[in-house]
Amino acid sequence: MTGGGVRTAVTGRVTGQRRSPWFTSFEDRPEASLRLVCLPFAGGGAAAYRSWLSRLPRSVELNAVQLPGRQDRVAEKALTGHQEIVLALADALAGEPDDRPYAFFGHSMGALLAFELARELRGRGAPAPVLLGVSGLAAPSTGPFHGAITHLPDDAFLEAVATLGGMPDEILASPSLIDFLLPTLRADFGVCEGYRYRRQAPLDCPLVVFSGIHDPATPLEDLRGWQAESTRPVRLRQHPGGHFYLLDQPDAVVGALVSEVREALAAGADGAGTSGWPVPDRASAERQP
């Protein structure tokens, strides 16, 4: 993982089209037929997805979520509850005069927010996403994602974050970046720490689970629970690497995501398609338990 790529993901400057403080597209694509809404990992911001822009086809407009407390919203107080974030994002999407189909992708904390946002939008009677992509996150039904750590002193908190693999090593090794990110990092880990799964009917959209083969946060047995969260085919795509595999290989990840979106669109409303579970080849880039 390159240090420059990691720094951009968490502290990068955000420029581009902004219709709302919650979303940036980096480039307006009015001709695009689909919106890809991407949600960041803990401590990250919209810039984490900037490198995806050139890798996406022109038919897809990238809408990267920018949460308060980071990058160009650094002066705002970071939110500490998943529900207030989800409600704010749902309100922001409702305020967008855009009826194009959309897909969600979120990594780690972003995956949790994407999942709950899809549920919230369903409750409001909104159309389902054509695809929900969740990355680097065990199924929410498996229980708490980690023990209570946000109450710890700074050094102990950062040690716990490092043990969990919740922040790239390059960031943890930079005192100046850590000082800058610590309040947001605490808030974001508080989002996951305070999350309590609520059983609901499964979502009516295809769901694809992405993970790094060597990510300790996503053991295979904890990924299986995602199968219960959708009425449609649920697939698992595993890539070489650990928790932040997607920063190392954006070409492979974006290519896989675009392929899944195209297949979901082609399958249409009849729910056609095949489940990706199981396939036994652990070394495969697309891996199903």
Protein backbone atom coordinates (compact mmCIF):
# COMPACT_ATOMS: atom_id res chain seq x y z
CA MET A 1 0.00 0.00 0.00
CA THR A 2 1.52 3.32 -1.02
CA GLY A 3 1.78 6.02 1.63
CA GLY A 4 0.48 8.64 -0.80
CA GLY A 5 -2.64 6.65 -1.52
CA VAL A 6 -3.37 6.18 2.16
CA ARG A 7 -2.83 9.86 2.95
CA THR A 8 -5.16 10.86 0.12
CA ALA A 9 -7.84 8.51 1.41
CA VAL A 10 -7.94 10.12 4.85
CA THR A 11 -6.69 13.69 4.36
CA GLY A 12 -6.91 14.31 0.61
CA ARG A 13 -8.27 17.54 -0.79
CA VAL A 14 -11.75 17.17 -2.20
CA THR A 15 -12.60 19.02 -5.39
CA GLY A 16 -15.39 18.44 -7.84
CA GLN A 17 -19.11 18.85 -8.32
CA ARG A 18 -21.06 19.32 -5.08
CA ARG A 19 -24.85 19.43 -5.04
CA SER A 20 -24.86 18.68 -1.32
CA PRO A 21 -22.24 18.77 1.44
CA TRP A 22 -22.84 15.04 1.84
CA PHE A 23 -21.79 14.00 -1.68
CA THR A 24 -19.06 14.81 -4.15
CA SER A 25 -18.89 13.42 -7.67
CA PHE A 26 -15.41 14.79 -8.53
CA GLU A 27 -16.79 15.09 -12.06
CA ASP A 28 -20.36 15.72 -13.14
CA ARG A 29 -21.56 13.08 -15.59
CA PRO A 30 -25.07 14.04 -16.65
CA GLU A 31 -24.97 11.39 -19.37
CA ALA A 32 -24.40 8.63 -16.81
CA SER A 33 -27.27 6.18 -16.42
CA LEU A 34 -26.33 5.04 -12.89
CA ARG A 35 -25.09 6.64 -9.67
CA LEU A 36 -22.54 4.78 -7.58
CA VAL A 37 -22.76 6.02 -3.98
CA CYS A 38 -19.59 5.12 -2.03
CA LEU A 39 -19.29 5.35 1.76
CA PRO A 40 -15.94 5.67 3.58
CA PHE A 41 -14.17 3.59 6.19
CA ALA A 42 -13.53 4.89 9.73
CA GLY A 43 -11.33 7.98 9.59
CA GLY A 44 -11.64 8.19 5.81
CA GLY A 45 -13.48 10.63 3.60
CA ALA A 46 -14.75 11.10 0.07
CA ALA A 47 -11.19 11.36 -1.26
CA ALA A 48 -10.75 7.64 -0.53
CA TYR A 49 -12.69 7.03 -3.75
CA ARG A 50 -11.20 9.74 -5.95
CA SER A 51 -8.94 7.28 -7.78
CA TRP A 52 -12.01 5.31 -8.83
CA LEU A 53 -13.23 8.09 -11.11
CA SER A 54 -10.91 7.30 -14.02
CA ARG A 55 -11.57 3.57 -13.61
CA LEU A 56 -15.35 3.80 -13.87
CA PRO A 57 -17.12 3.80 -17.25
CA ARG A 58 -18.69 7.06 -18.36
CA SER A 59 -22.09 5.46 -17.80
CA VAL A 60 -21.48 5.59 -14.02
CA GLU A 61 -21.40 8.79 -11.95
CA LEU A 62 -19.39 8.49 -8.75
CA ASN A 63 -21.02 10.04 -5.67
CA ALA A 64 -18.61 9.74 -2.74
CA VAL A 65 -20.10 10.39 0.69
CA GLN A 66 -18.44 13.07 2.79
CA LEU A 67 -19.28 12.80 6.48
CA PRO A 68 -18.84 15.73 8.89
CA GLY A 69 -15.49 16.08 10.63
CA ARG A 70 -13.13 15.27 7.75
CA GLN A 71 -11.47 16.81 4.70
CA ASP A 72 -13.56 19.75 3.46
CA ARG A 73 -16.01 19.28 6.38
CA VAL A 74 -13.30 19.16 9.02
CA ALA A 75 -14.71 22.20 10.85
CA GLU A 76 -17.95 20.30 11.55
CA LYS A 77 -18.39 17.99 14.50
CA ALA A 78 -18.16 14.31 13.61
CA LEU A 79 -21.32 12.30 14.25
CA THR A 80 -21.08 9.39 16.68
CA GLY A 81 -24.25 7.37 16.02
CA HIS A 82 -25.00 5.30 12.94
CA GLN A 83 -28.67 6.22 13.06
CA GLU A 84 -28.12 9.97 12.89
CA ILE A 85 -25.72 9.49 9.98
CA VAL A 86 -28.13 7.22 8.13
CA LEU A 87 -31.07 9.57 8.65
CA ALA A 88 -29.02 12.54 7.44
CA LEU A 89 -27.88 10.65 4.34
CA ALA A 90 -31.41 9.47 3.58
CA ASP A 91 -32.66 13.05 3.86
CA ALA A 92 -29.85 14.25 1.60
CA LEU A 93 -30.65 11.63 -1.03
CA ALA A 94 -34.35 12.49 -0.82
CA GLY A 95 -33.44 16.12 -1.52
CA GLU A 96 -31.57 15.22 -4.70
CA PRO A 97 -33.63 15.71 -7.88
CA ASP A 98 -32.21 12.54 -9.40
CA ASP A 99 -34.25 9.49 -10.36
CA ARG A 100 -31.45 7.46 -11.95
CA PRO A 101 -30.86 3.94 -10.64
CA TYR A 102 -28.18 3.78 -7.99
CA ALA A 103 -25.82 1.31 -6.34
CA PHE A 104 -24.14 1.43 -2.92
CA PHE A 105 -20.59 0.46 -2.01
CA GLY A 106 -19.13 0.88 1.46
CA HIS A 107 -15.96 -0.33 3.14
CA SER A 108 -15.82 -1.33 6.82
CA MET A 109 -17.81 1.37 8.68
CA GLY A 110 -19.03 2.49 5.25
CA ALA A 111 -20.43 -0.98 4.60
CA LEU A 112 -22.42 -0.81 7.83
CA LEU A 113 -23.78 2.60 6.88
CA ALA A 114 -24.62 1.45 3.34
CA PHE A 115 -26.54 -1.54 4.69
CA GLU A 116 -28.54 0.52 7.17
CA LEU A 117 -29.10 3.27 4.59
CA ALA A 118 -30.61 0.74 2.19
CA ARG A 119 -32.92 -0.38 5.00
CA GLU A 120 -33.90 3.19 5.85
CA LEU A 121 -34.68 4.03 2.22
CA ARG A 122 -36.82 0.91 1.97
CA GLY A 123 -38.77 2.08 5.00
CA ARG A 124 -39.41 5.38 3.22
CA GLY A 125 -40.74 3.61 0.14
CA ALA A 126 -37.77 4.50 -2.06
CA PRO A 127 -36.58 2.20 -4.85
CA ALA A 128 -33.97 -0.34 -3.78
CA PRO A 129 -30.39 0.00 -5.02
CA VAL A 130 -29.60 -2.10 -8.08
CA LEU A 131 -26.72 -3.50 -6.02
CA LEU A 132 -25.46 -3.28 -2.45
CA GLY A 133 -21.71 -3.81 -2.19
CA VAL A 134 -20.37 -4.30 1.33
CA SER A 135 -16.64 -4.56 1.92
CA GLY A 136 -14.42 -5.42 4.87
CA LEU A 137 -17.28 -6.07 7.29
CA ALA A 138 -18.60 -9.19 8.97
CA ALA A 139 -22.35 -9.70 8.76
CA PRO A 140 -24.05 -7.26 11.17
CA SER A 141 -25.96 -10.12 12.77
CA THR A 142 -22.73 -11.67 14.07
CA GLY A 143 -22.68 -9.30 17.03
CA PRO A 144 -20.42 -6.43 18.12
CA PHE A 145 -17.65 -5.71 15.63
CA HIS A 146 -15.14 -5.08 18.41
CA GLY A 147 -14.98 -4.53 22.14
CA ALA A 148 -15.39 -1.16 23.81
CA ILE A 149 -12.30 0.92 22.99
CA THR A 150 -13.43 4.52 22.57
CA HIS A 151 -13.21 5.19 26.32
CA LEU A 152 -9.51 4.32 26.39
CA PRO A 153 -6.69 6.90 26.65
CA ASP A 154 -5.21 7.91 23.32
CA ASP A 155 -2.25 5.52 23.32
CA ALA A 156 -4.34 2.53 24.37
CA PHE A 157 -7.08 3.45 21.90
CA LEU A 158 -4.61 3.64 19.00
CA GLU A 159 -3.03 0.35 20.05
CA ALA A 160 -6.48 -1.24 19.99
CA VAL A 161 -7.19 0.27 16.56
CA ALA A 162 -3.90 -1.15 15.27
CA THR A 163 -4.71 -4.58 16.68
CA LEU A 164 -8.11 -4.52 14.98
CA GLY A 165 -6.54 -3.48 11.67
CA GLY A 166 -8.86 -0.48 11.65
CA MET A 167 -6.41 2.06 10.23
CA PRO A 168 -3.57 1.69 7.71
CA ASP A 169 -0.14 1.29 9.30
CA GLU A 170 1.17 4.32 7.41
CA ILE A 171 -1.30 6.55 9.23
CA LEU A 172 -0.69 5.03 12.65
CA ALA A 173 3.04 5.64 12.17
CA SER A 174 2.56 9.37 11.56
CA PRO A 175 2.09 11.37 14.81
CA SER A 176 0.98 14.50 12.95
CA LEU A 177 -1.71 12.63 11.03
CA ILE A 178 -2.88 10.80 14.13
CA ASP A 179 -3.24 14.07 16.07
CA PHE A 180 -5.32 15.44 13.21
CA LEU A 181 -7.47 12.33 12.80
CA LEU A 182 -7.93 11.22 16.40
CA PRO A 183 -11.26 12.99 17.13
CA THR A 184 -12.81 11.69 13.91
CA LEU A 185 -11.35 8.24 14.41
CA ARG A 186 -12.83 8.05 17.91
CA ALA A 187 -16.21 9.19 16.59
CA ASP A 188 -16.19 6.64 13.77
CA PHE A 189 -15.19 3.75 16.00
CA GLY A 190 -17.96 4.91 18.31
CA VAL A 191 -20.40 4.48 15.42
CA CYS A 192 -19.43 0.81 15.10
CA GLU A 193 -19.11 0.28 18.85
CA GLY A 194 -22.61 1.56 19.50
CA TYR A 195 -24.27 -0.34 16.68
CA ARG A 196 -26.92 -2.89 17.59
CA TYR A 197 -28.31 -5.14 14.89
CA ARG A 198 -32.08 -5.11 14.42
CA ARG A 199 -33.58 -8.08 12.62
CA GLN A 200 -35.70 -7.04 9.64
CA ALA A 201 -36.94 -8.57 6.42
CA PRO A 202 -34.10 -9.09 3.94
CA LEU A 203 -33.43 -6.42 1.34
CA ASP A 204 -34.77 -6.98 -2.16
CA CYS A 205 -31.55 -6.27 -4.05
CA PRO A 206 -28.45 -8.21 -5.10
CA LEU A 207 -25.76 -8.10 -2.42
CA VAL A 208 -22.04 -8.59 -3.04
CA VAL A 209 -19.60 -9.05 -0.15
CA PHE A 210 -16.01 -7.92 -0.79
CA SER A 211 -13.10 -8.73 1.50
CA GLY A 212 -9.36 -9.23 1.70
CA ILE A 213 -8.36 -12.87 1.95
CA HIS A 214 -6.07 -12.12 4.90
CA ASP A 215 -8.31 -9.62 6.71
CA PRO A 216 -8.61 -10.71 10.37
CA ALA A 217 -11.80 -8.65 10.72
CA THR A 218 -13.70 -10.78 8.20
CA PRO A 219 -13.31 -14.49 8.96
CA LEU A 220 -15.24 -16.61 6.53
CA GLU A 221 -17.73 -17.85 9.12
CA ASP A 222 -18.67 -14.24 9.96
CA LEU A 223 -19.30 -13.40 6.31
CA ARG A 224 -21.86 -16.16 5.82
CA GLY A 225 -24.49 -14.19 7.72
CA TRP A 226 -24.79 -11.74 4.83
CA GLN A 227 -26.71 -14.45 2.95
CA ALA A 228 -29.73 -13.79 5.18
CA GLU A 229 -29.81 -10.07 4.37
CA SER A 230 -31.07 -10.23 0.77
CA THR A 231 -33.80 -12.03 -1.15
CA ARG A 232 -31.53 -11.93 -4.21
CA PRO A 233 -28.29 -13.71 -5.03
CA VAL A 234 -25.55 -12.95 -2.51
CA ARG A 235 -21.96 -13.35 -3.67
CA LEU A 236 -18.54 -13.09 -2.10
CA ARG A 237 -15.52 -11.65 -3.90
CA GLN A 238 -12.24 -11.97 -2.08
CA HIS A 239 -9.06 -10.20 -3.14
CA PRO A 240 -5.46 -10.69 -2.02
CA GLY A 241 -4.55 -8.56 0.97
CA GLY A 242 -5.75 -7.49 4.39
CA HIS A 243 -8.37 -5.08 5.64
CA PHE A 244 -7.36 -2.26 3.28
CA TYR A 245 -6.94 -4.44 0.21
CA LEU A 246 -9.01 -2.01 -1.87
CA LEU A 247 -6.41 0.77 -1.52
CA ASP A 248 -3.76 -1.53 -2.98
CA GLN A 249 -5.68 -2.76 -6.02
CA PRO A 250 -8.33 -0.29 -7.18
CA ASP A 251 -8.31 -1.66 -10.74
CA ALA A 252 -9.33 -5.14 -9.60
CA VAL A 253 -11.91 -3.90 -7.09
CA VAL A 254 -13.56 -1.38 -9.40
CA GLY A 255 -13.55 -3.91 -12.24
CA ALA A 256 -15.24 -6.50 -10.05
CA LEU A 257 -17.81 -4.00 -8.79
CA VAL A 258 -18.67 -2.76 -12.29
CA SER A 259 -19.05 -6.37 -13.44
CA GLU A 260 -21.45 -7.09 -10.59
CA VAL A 261 -23.48 -3.94 -11.29
CA ARG A 262 -23.79 -4.85 -14.96
CA GLU A 263 -24.93 -8.35 -14.10
CA ALA A 264 -27.48 -7.00 -11.62
CA LEU A 265 -28.84 -4.59 -14.22
CA ALA A 266 -29.01 -7.35 -16.82
CA ALA A 267 -30.82 -9.66 -14.42
CA GLY A 268 -33.48 -7.00 -13.98
CA ALA A 269 -36.43 -7.08 -11.66
CA ASP A 270 -37.03 -10.81 -12.02
CA GLY A 271 -34.17 -11.60 -9.65
CA ALA A 272 -32.40 -13.82 -12.18
CA GLY A 273 -28.81 -14.75 -11.48
CA THR A 274 -26.90 -17.34 -9.56
CA SER A 275 -25.72 -17.34 -6.01
CA GLY A 276 -21.98 -17.30 -5.55
CA TRP A 277 -22.06 -19.72 -2.58
CA PRO A 278 -20.19 -22.08 -2.53
CA VAL A 279 -17.01 -22.31 -4.63
CA PRO A 280 -14.03 -24.03 -2.98
CA ASP A 281 -11.03 -22.23 -4.54
CA ARG A 282 -9.53 -20.03 -1.80
CA ALA A 283 -6.92 -18.53 -4.13
CA SER A 284 -9.51 -17.26 -6.58
CA ALA A 285 -10.08 -13.52 -6.82
CA GLU A 286 -13.78 -14.28 -6.63
CA ARG A 287 -14.26 -16.49 -3.59
CA GLN A 288 -17.40 -17.95 -2.12
CA PRO A 289 -17.67 -19.95 1.12
